[in-house]
Amino acid sequence: MTTPPPSRAALWWSALGLATTLVVALVTILDATGDGLLAAHLRSAYPGYTGAQVATAVDLSASILVSVAVLGALVWTTTIALIATRRRGAGVLALVALVLGVTVSLTVILIRDTSGELGFALPISSTLLLPCAAGAVVASLLLRRRRRPAPSER
């Protein structure tokens, strides 16, 4: 029995997922290098912080968000390799990655810090869900079952 060729749609959506993950990292890095949303969020949550304390907190926040994106990029790369080499585990990996990606993304979005405010600026942290949308499509493409003809149709 031969393995069917890799789904072009699954490969395309996986590449899109990888691209959106890289965009998430880039947006976070660009925001952290200037006086962006992360800094504004931290200044409003901690009005007593000095500029140096806000900068340190921005660096930490950006490091966490970029680390999540880097892990996501590694998973996307692995998924693309599995699809391209026609491995059966691609669908399972896509599903597990989707569940973990949504869980981590929602945790980052909803977590509260010691001030009672959201831990991360919502416009930045919510970008973590973008690759999850592509992940849902990839998992569904890889895990859908082919309809088998009924015995009477054979």
N, C-alpha and C. Protein backbone atom coordinates (compact mmCIF):
# COMPACT_ATOMS: atom_id res chain seq x y z
N MET A 1 0.84 -1.18 0.00
CA MET A 1 0.00 0.00 0.00
C MET A 1 0.89 1.24 0.00
N THR A 2 0.65 2.13 -0.94
CA THR A 2 1.46 3.35 -1.01
C THR A 2 0.79 4.45 -0.20
N THR A 3 1.63 5.35 0.28
CA THR A 3 1.12 6.49 1.03
C THR A 3 0.71 7.56 0.04
N PRO A 4 -0.44 8.21 0.25
CA PRO A 4 -0.87 9.24 -0.69
C PRO A 4 0.09 10.42 -0.69
N PRO A 5 0.15 11.16 -1.79
CA PRO A 5 1.05 12.31 -1.84
C PRO A 5 0.64 13.36 -0.81
N PRO A 6 1.59 14.18 -0.39
CA PRO A 6 1.24 15.18 0.62
C PRO A 6 0.19 16.14 0.08
N SER A 7 -0.67 16.52 0.95
CA SER A 7 -1.72 17.45 0.56
C SER A 7 -1.12 18.82 0.31
N ARG A 8 -1.31 19.32 -0.89
CA ARG A 8 -0.80 20.66 -1.21
C ARG A 8 -1.45 21.70 -0.31
N ALA A 9 -2.71 21.50 -0.03
CA ALA A 9 -3.42 22.46 0.84
C ALA A 9 -2.83 22.45 2.24
N ALA A 10 -2.53 21.26 2.77
CA ALA A 10 -1.95 21.17 4.11
C ALA A 10 -0.57 21.81 4.14
N LEU A 11 0.21 21.60 3.08
CA LEU A 11 1.53 22.24 3.01
C LEU A 11 1.40 23.76 2.92
N TRP A 12 0.47 24.23 2.11
CA TRP A 12 0.27 25.67 1.95
C TRP A 12 -0.15 26.30 3.28
N TRP A 13 -1.13 25.68 3.96
CA TRP A 13 -1.60 26.22 5.24
C TRP A 13 -0.52 26.14 6.31
N SER A 14 0.31 25.10 6.25
CA SER A 14 1.41 25.00 7.20
C SER A 14 2.44 26.10 6.96
N ALA A 15 2.72 26.38 5.70
CA ALA A 15 3.64 27.48 5.39
C ALA A 15 3.05 28.81 5.85
N LEU A 16 1.76 28.98 5.69
CA LEU A 16 1.10 30.19 6.18
C LEU A 16 1.18 30.27 7.70
N GLY A 17 1.00 29.14 8.37
CA GLY A 17 1.13 29.11 9.83
C GLY A 17 2.53 29.49 10.28
N LEU A 18 3.54 28.97 9.59
CA LEU A 18 4.92 29.32 9.90
C LEU A 18 5.15 30.81 9.67
N ALA A 19 4.65 31.32 8.56
CA ALA A 19 4.83 32.74 8.24
C ALA A 19 4.16 33.63 9.29
N THR A 20 2.94 33.29 9.71
CA THR A 20 2.27 34.10 10.72
C THR A 20 2.99 34.02 12.06
N THR A 21 3.58 32.88 12.36
CA THR A 21 4.35 32.75 13.59
C THR A 21 5.57 33.67 13.56
N LEU A 22 6.23 33.72 12.42
CA LEU A 22 7.39 34.61 12.28
C LEU A 22 6.97 36.08 12.34
N VAL A 23 5.81 36.39 11.80
CA VAL A 23 5.29 37.76 11.89
C VAL A 23 5.00 38.13 13.34
N VAL A 24 4.44 37.20 14.10
CA VAL A 24 4.18 37.44 15.53
C VAL A 24 5.48 37.80 16.24
N ALA A 25 6.53 37.04 15.98
CA ALA A 25 7.83 37.33 16.61
C ALA A 25 8.35 38.69 16.17
N LEU A 26 8.24 38.98 14.89
CA LEU A 26 8.73 40.26 14.36
C LEU A 26 7.96 41.45 14.95
N VAL A 27 6.65 41.34 15.01
CA VAL A 27 5.83 42.41 15.58
C VAL A 27 6.22 42.66 17.04
N THR A 28 6.43 41.59 17.78
CA THR A 28 6.82 41.72 19.18
C THR A 28 8.17 42.39 19.31
N ILE A 29 9.13 41.98 18.50
CA ILE A 29 10.48 42.57 18.54
C ILE A 29 10.42 44.04 18.18
N LEU A 30 9.70 44.37 17.12
CA LEU A 30 9.59 45.77 16.69
C LEU A 30 8.92 46.62 17.76
N ASP A 31 7.89 46.08 18.39
CA ASP A 31 7.20 46.82 19.44
C ASP A 31 8.13 47.05 20.64
N ALA A 32 8.93 46.05 20.97
CA ALA A 32 9.81 46.16 22.14
C ALA A 32 10.97 47.11 21.90
N THR A 33 11.37 47.31 20.65
CA THR A 33 12.52 48.18 20.38
C THR A 33 12.16 49.65 20.48
N GLY A 34 10.90 49.97 20.40
CA GLY A 34 10.48 51.36 20.50
C GLY A 34 9.64 51.57 21.74
N ASP A 35 8.95 52.66 21.76
CA ASP A 35 8.05 52.96 22.87
C ASP A 35 6.65 52.48 22.48
N GLY A 36 6.50 51.16 22.37
CA GLY A 36 5.30 50.58 21.80
C GLY A 36 4.24 50.20 22.81
N LEU A 37 3.39 49.29 22.39
CA LEU A 37 2.25 48.86 23.18
C LEU A 37 2.65 48.17 24.48
N LEU A 38 3.71 47.36 24.44
CA LEU A 38 4.15 46.70 25.67
C LEU A 38 4.56 47.72 26.72
N ALA A 39 5.33 48.73 26.31
CA ALA A 39 5.78 49.77 27.25
C ALA A 39 4.59 50.57 27.77
N ALA A 40 3.68 50.94 26.89
CA ALA A 40 2.51 51.71 27.32
C ALA A 40 1.67 50.91 28.31
N HIS A 41 1.50 49.63 28.03
CA HIS A 41 0.73 48.76 28.91
C HIS A 41 1.38 48.68 30.30
N LEU A 42 2.68 48.51 30.33
CA LEU A 42 3.38 48.40 31.61
C LEU A 42 3.39 49.72 32.37
N ARG A 43 3.51 50.82 31.67
CA ARG A 43 3.47 52.13 32.34
C ARG A 43 2.10 52.37 32.98
N SER A 44 1.03 51.95 32.30
CA SER A 44 -0.30 52.16 32.87
C SER A 44 -0.57 51.19 34.03
N ALA A 45 -0.02 49.98 33.94
CA ALA A 45 -0.22 49.01 35.02
C ALA A 45 0.63 49.35 36.24
N TYR A 46 1.80 49.93 36.01
CA TYR A 46 2.73 50.25 37.09
C TYR A 46 3.18 51.70 36.97
N PRO A 47 2.32 52.65 37.34
CA PRO A 47 2.66 54.07 37.16
C PRO A 47 3.89 54.51 37.96
N GLY A 48 4.26 53.78 38.99
CA GLY A 48 5.42 54.15 39.79
C GLY A 48 6.75 53.65 39.23
N TYR A 49 6.70 52.88 38.16
CA TYR A 49 7.93 52.34 37.57
C TYR A 49 8.74 53.45 36.90
N THR A 50 10.04 53.35 37.06
CA THR A 50 10.93 54.26 36.34
C THR A 50 11.06 53.79 34.90
N GLY A 51 11.66 54.62 34.07
CA GLY A 51 11.87 54.24 32.69
C GLY A 51 12.71 52.97 32.56
N ALA A 52 13.72 52.83 33.43
CA ALA A 52 14.57 51.64 33.39
C ALA A 52 13.79 50.39 33.79
N GLN A 53 12.90 50.52 34.77
CA GLN A 53 12.09 49.37 35.19
C GLN A 53 11.11 48.96 34.09
N VAL A 54 10.52 49.94 33.43
CA VAL A 54 9.61 49.64 32.32
C VAL A 54 10.39 48.95 31.20
N ALA A 55 11.59 49.45 30.90
CA ALA A 55 12.40 48.84 29.84
C ALA A 55 12.75 47.40 30.17
N THR A 56 13.09 47.13 31.42
CA THR A 56 13.39 45.76 31.85
C THR A 56 12.17 44.86 31.71
N ALA A 57 11.02 45.37 32.13
CA ALA A 57 9.78 44.60 32.03
C ALA A 57 9.39 44.36 30.57
N VAL A 58 9.62 45.35 29.70
CA VAL A 58 9.34 45.18 28.27
C VAL A 58 10.24 44.09 27.70
N ASP A 59 11.52 44.12 28.06
CA ASP A 59 12.45 43.10 27.58
C ASP A 59 12.00 41.70 28.01
N LEU A 60 11.58 41.57 29.26
CA LEU A 60 11.12 40.27 29.76
C LEU A 60 9.85 39.83 29.03
N SER A 61 8.90 40.74 28.88
CA SER A 61 7.65 40.41 28.19
C SER A 61 7.91 40.00 26.75
N ALA A 62 8.75 40.76 26.07
CA ALA A 62 9.06 40.45 24.67
C ALA A 62 9.79 39.11 24.57
N SER A 63 10.67 38.83 25.51
CA SER A 63 11.40 37.55 25.51
C SER A 63 10.44 36.38 25.64
N ILE A 64 9.46 36.52 26.50
CA ILE A 64 8.48 35.44 26.68
C ILE A 64 7.68 35.24 25.39
N LEU A 65 7.19 36.33 24.82
CA LEU A 65 6.37 36.21 23.60
C LEU A 65 7.17 35.69 22.42
N VAL A 66 8.40 36.14 22.26
CA VAL A 66 9.25 35.66 21.16
C VAL A 66 9.62 34.18 21.38
N SER A 67 9.85 33.78 22.62
CA SER A 67 10.15 32.37 22.90
C SER A 67 8.99 31.47 22.51
N VAL A 68 7.78 31.90 22.80
CA VAL A 68 6.60 31.14 22.39
C VAL A 68 6.54 31.04 20.86
N ALA A 69 6.83 32.15 20.18
CA ALA A 69 6.81 32.14 18.72
C ALA A 69 7.90 31.24 18.14
N VAL A 70 9.08 31.25 18.74
CA VAL A 70 10.17 30.39 18.25
C VAL A 70 9.79 28.91 18.41
N LEU A 71 9.21 28.56 19.55
CA LEU A 71 8.76 27.17 19.73
C LEU A 71 7.70 26.82 18.69
N GLY A 72 6.80 27.75 18.42
CA GLY A 72 5.79 27.52 17.39
C GLY A 72 6.41 27.32 16.02
N ALA A 73 7.42 28.11 15.70
CA ALA A 73 8.10 27.97 14.40
C ALA A 73 8.77 26.61 14.28
N LEU A 74 9.35 26.12 15.36
CA LEU A 74 9.96 24.78 15.34
C LEU A 74 8.91 23.69 15.09
N VAL A 75 7.75 23.84 15.71
CA VAL A 75 6.68 22.86 15.51
C VAL A 75 6.16 22.94 14.07
N TRP A 76 6.01 24.15 13.54
CA TRP A 76 5.56 24.29 12.14
C TRP A 76 6.56 23.65 11.19
N THR A 77 7.84 23.87 11.43
CA THR A 77 8.87 23.30 10.57
C THR A 77 8.81 21.77 10.60
N THR A 78 8.64 21.23 11.79
CA THR A 78 8.52 19.76 11.93
C THR A 78 7.28 19.25 11.22
N THR A 79 6.18 19.95 11.38
CA THR A 79 4.93 19.54 10.73
C THR A 79 5.08 19.56 9.20
N ILE A 80 5.69 20.61 8.69
CA ILE A 80 5.91 20.71 7.23
C ILE A 80 6.78 19.54 6.75
N ALA A 81 7.83 19.22 7.51
CA ALA A 81 8.70 18.11 7.13
C ALA A 81 7.94 16.79 7.14
N LEU A 82 7.09 16.58 8.12
CA LEU A 82 6.31 15.34 8.19
C LEU A 82 5.32 15.24 7.04
N ILE A 83 4.70 16.35 6.70
CA ILE A 83 3.74 16.34 5.58
C ILE A 83 4.49 16.06 4.28
N ALA A 84 5.61 16.75 4.08
CA ALA A 84 6.36 16.60 2.83
C ALA A 84 6.92 15.20 2.65
N THR A 85 7.26 14.54 3.75
CA THR A 85 7.80 13.18 3.66
C THR A 85 6.72 12.11 3.84
N ARG A 86 5.47 12.56 3.85
CA ARG A 86 4.32 11.65 3.89
C ARG A 86 4.27 10.78 5.14
N ARG A 87 4.65 11.32 6.24
CA ARG A 87 4.60 10.57 7.50
C ARG A 87 3.19 10.63 8.07
N ARG A 88 2.77 9.52 8.62
CA ARG A 88 1.42 9.43 9.17
C ARG A 88 1.25 10.29 10.43
N GLY A 89 2.32 10.57 11.13
CA GLY A 89 2.24 11.33 12.37
C GLY A 89 1.97 12.81 12.18
N ALA A 90 1.92 13.28 10.96
CA ALA A 90 1.73 14.71 10.71
C ALA A 90 0.40 15.21 11.27
N GLY A 91 -0.65 14.45 11.05
CA GLY A 91 -1.97 14.87 11.53
C GLY A 91 -2.05 14.90 13.04
N VAL A 92 -1.46 13.90 13.67
CA VAL A 92 -1.47 13.86 15.14
C VAL A 92 -0.65 15.02 15.70
N LEU A 93 0.53 15.26 15.12
CA LEU A 93 1.35 16.39 15.57
C LEU A 93 0.60 17.70 15.38
N ALA A 94 -0.08 17.86 14.25
CA ALA A 94 -0.83 19.09 14.00
C ALA A 94 -1.93 19.29 15.03
N LEU A 95 -2.61 18.21 15.39
CA LEU A 95 -3.69 18.31 16.39
C LEU A 95 -3.13 18.63 17.77
N VAL A 96 -2.08 17.94 18.18
CA VAL A 96 -1.47 18.20 19.49
C VAL A 96 -0.92 19.62 19.53
N ALA A 97 -0.27 20.04 18.46
CA ALA A 97 0.28 21.40 18.40
C ALA A 97 -0.85 22.44 18.46
N LEU A 98 -1.96 22.16 17.81
CA LEU A 98 -3.10 23.08 17.85
C LEU A 98 -3.62 23.23 19.27
N VAL A 99 -3.83 22.12 19.94
CA VAL A 99 -4.34 22.18 21.33
C VAL A 99 -3.37 22.92 22.23
N LEU A 100 -2.08 22.59 22.12
CA LEU A 100 -1.08 23.28 22.94
C LEU A 100 -0.96 24.75 22.57
N GLY A 101 -1.00 25.04 21.27
CA GLY A 101 -0.89 26.43 20.81
C GLY A 101 -2.04 27.29 21.31
N VAL A 102 -3.26 26.78 21.23
CA VAL A 102 -4.41 27.53 21.72
C VAL A 102 -4.33 27.70 23.23
N THR A 103 -3.92 26.64 23.93
CA THR A 103 -3.80 26.71 25.39
C THR A 103 -2.76 27.74 25.82
N VAL A 104 -1.60 27.69 25.23
CA VAL A 104 -0.54 28.65 25.57
C VAL A 104 -0.96 30.06 25.18
N SER A 105 -1.54 30.23 24.01
CA SER A 105 -1.97 31.55 23.56
C SER A 105 -3.00 32.16 24.51
N LEU A 106 -4.01 31.37 24.86
CA LEU A 106 -5.03 31.89 25.76
C LEU A 106 -4.47 32.17 27.16
N THR A 107 -3.53 31.36 27.60
CA THR A 107 -2.88 31.62 28.89
C THR A 107 -2.15 32.95 28.85
N VAL A 108 -1.38 33.18 27.79
CA VAL A 108 -0.64 34.44 27.67
C VAL A 108 -1.60 35.62 27.56
N ILE A 109 -2.69 35.45 26.85
CA ILE A 109 -3.65 36.54 26.68
C ILE A 109 -4.38 36.87 27.99
N LEU A 110 -4.76 35.85 28.74
CA LEU A 110 -5.63 36.04 29.89
C LEU A 110 -4.92 36.16 31.23
N ILE A 111 -3.63 35.87 31.28
CA ILE A 111 -2.93 35.88 32.56
C ILE A 111 -2.90 37.30 33.15
N ARG A 112 -3.06 37.38 34.44
CA ARG A 112 -3.03 38.66 35.15
C ARG A 112 -1.71 38.77 35.90
N ASP A 113 -1.18 39.98 35.98
CA ASP A 113 0.05 40.15 36.75
C ASP A 113 -0.29 40.67 38.14
N THR A 114 0.73 41.04 38.90
CA THR A 114 0.52 41.42 40.30
C THR A 114 -0.29 42.70 40.46
N SER A 115 -0.39 43.51 39.40
CA SER A 115 -1.19 44.73 39.47
C SER A 115 -2.68 44.45 39.27
N GLY A 116 -3.01 43.24 38.86
CA GLY A 116 -4.39 42.89 38.55
C GLY A 116 -4.74 43.12 37.09
N GLU A 117 -3.83 43.74 36.36
CA GLU A 117 -4.03 44.00 34.93
C GLU A 117 -3.60 42.76 34.13
N LEU A 118 -3.98 42.74 32.86
CA LEU A 118 -3.49 41.68 31.99
C LEU A 118 -1.97 41.74 31.97
N GLY A 119 -1.34 40.59 31.95
CA GLY A 119 0.12 40.54 31.99
C GLY A 119 0.80 41.07 30.74
N PHE A 120 0.13 40.97 29.61
CA PHE A 120 0.71 41.41 28.34
C PHE A 120 -0.29 42.32 27.64
N ALA A 121 0.23 43.24 26.84
CA ALA A 121 -0.65 44.13 26.07
C ALA A 121 -1.49 43.27 25.13
N LEU A 122 -2.79 43.41 25.22
CA LEU A 122 -3.71 42.55 24.46
C LEU A 122 -3.50 42.60 22.95
N PRO A 123 -3.25 43.77 22.35
CA PRO A 123 -3.03 43.76 20.89
C PRO A 123 -1.80 42.96 20.47
N ILE A 124 -0.82 42.86 21.35
CA ILE A 124 0.38 42.09 21.04
C ILE A 124 0.16 40.61 21.36
N SER A 125 -0.33 40.31 22.56
CA SER A 125 -0.49 38.91 22.96
C SER A 125 -1.52 38.18 22.11
N SER A 126 -2.55 38.87 21.66
CA SER A 126 -3.59 38.19 20.87
C SER A 126 -3.08 37.75 19.50
N THR A 127 -1.97 38.31 19.04
CA THR A 127 -1.42 37.86 17.75
C THR A 127 -0.97 36.40 17.81
N LEU A 128 -0.76 35.88 19.02
CA LEU A 128 -0.37 34.47 19.16
C LEU A 128 -1.45 33.52 18.64
N LEU A 129 -2.69 34.00 18.56
CA LEU A 129 -3.77 33.14 18.06
C LEU A 129 -3.78 33.03 16.53
N LEU A 130 -3.12 33.94 15.83
CA LEU A 130 -3.14 33.90 14.36
C LEU A 130 -2.62 32.57 13.80
N PRO A 131 -1.46 32.07 14.25
CA PRO A 131 -1.01 30.79 13.72
C PRO A 131 -1.94 29.63 14.10
N CYS A 132 -2.68 29.78 15.18
CA CYS A 132 -3.61 28.72 15.60
C CYS A 132 -4.73 28.53 14.59
N ALA A 133 -5.13 29.62 13.92
CA ALA A 133 -6.17 29.51 12.89
C ALA A 133 -5.68 28.63 11.74
N ALA A 134 -4.45 28.87 11.32
CA ALA A 134 -3.87 28.01 10.27
C ALA A 134 -3.72 26.58 10.78
N GLY A 135 -3.36 26.44 12.05
CA GLY A 135 -3.21 25.11 12.65
C GLY A 135 -4.50 24.33 12.65
N ALA A 136 -5.61 25.01 12.87
CA ALA A 136 -6.91 24.34 12.85
C ALA A 136 -7.22 23.80 11.46
N VAL A 137 -6.89 24.59 10.45
CA VAL A 137 -7.12 24.15 9.06
C VAL A 137 -6.22 22.96 8.74
N VAL A 138 -4.94 23.04 9.11
CA VAL A 138 -4.00 21.95 8.82
C VAL A 138 -4.44 20.67 9.51
N ALA A 139 -4.78 20.76 10.79
CA ALA A 139 -5.21 19.56 11.53
C ALA A 139 -6.44 18.95 10.88
N SER A 140 -7.39 19.78 10.48
CA SER A 140 -8.60 19.23 9.87
C SER A 140 -8.30 18.60 8.51
N LEU A 141 -7.40 19.21 7.73
CA LEU A 141 -7.05 18.64 6.43
C LEU A 141 -6.34 17.29 6.59
N LEU A 142 -5.47 17.20 7.58
CA LEU A 142 -4.68 15.97 7.75
C LEU A 142 -5.45 14.85 8.44
N LEU A 143 -6.44 15.21 9.25
CA LEU A 143 -7.13 14.19 10.03
C LEU A 143 -8.48 13.79 9.47
N ARG A 144 -8.95 14.50 8.46
CA ARG A 144 -10.26 14.11 7.92
C ARG A 144 -10.15 12.72 7.31
N ARG A 145 -11.18 12.00 7.50
CA ARG A 145 -11.19 10.61 7.00
C ARG A 145 -11.71 10.58 5.58
N ARG A 146 -11.07 9.78 4.79
CA ARG A 146 -11.56 9.58 3.43
C ARG A 146 -12.81 8.72 3.50
N ARG A 147 -13.80 9.08 2.74
CA ARG A 147 -15.03 8.31 2.72
C ARG A 147 -14.77 7.01 1.99
N ARG A 148 -15.09 5.94 2.67
CA ARG A 148 -14.94 4.63 2.03
C ARG A 148 -16.27 4.24 1.41
N PRO A 149 -16.22 3.68 0.22
CA PRO A 149 -17.49 3.28 -0.41
C PRO A 149 -18.16 2.17 0.38
N ALA A 150 -19.46 2.23 0.45
CA ALA A 150 -20.22 1.20 1.11
C ALA A 150 -20.08 -0.10 0.33
N PRO A 151 -20.25 -1.25 1.00
CA PRO A 151 -20.12 -2.54 0.30
C PRO A 151 -20.99 -2.63 -0.94
N SER A 152 -22.15 -2.00 -0.93
CA SER A 152 -23.04 -2.08 -2.09
C SER A 152 -22.51 -1.22 -3.25
N GLU A 153 -21.62 -0.23 -2.96
CA GLU A 153 -21.10 0.63 -4.00
C GLU A 153 -19.84 0.08 -4.65
N ARG A 154 -19.27 -0.96 -4.08
CA ARG A 154 -17.99 -1.49 -4.60
C ARG A 154 -18.16 -2.25 -5.84
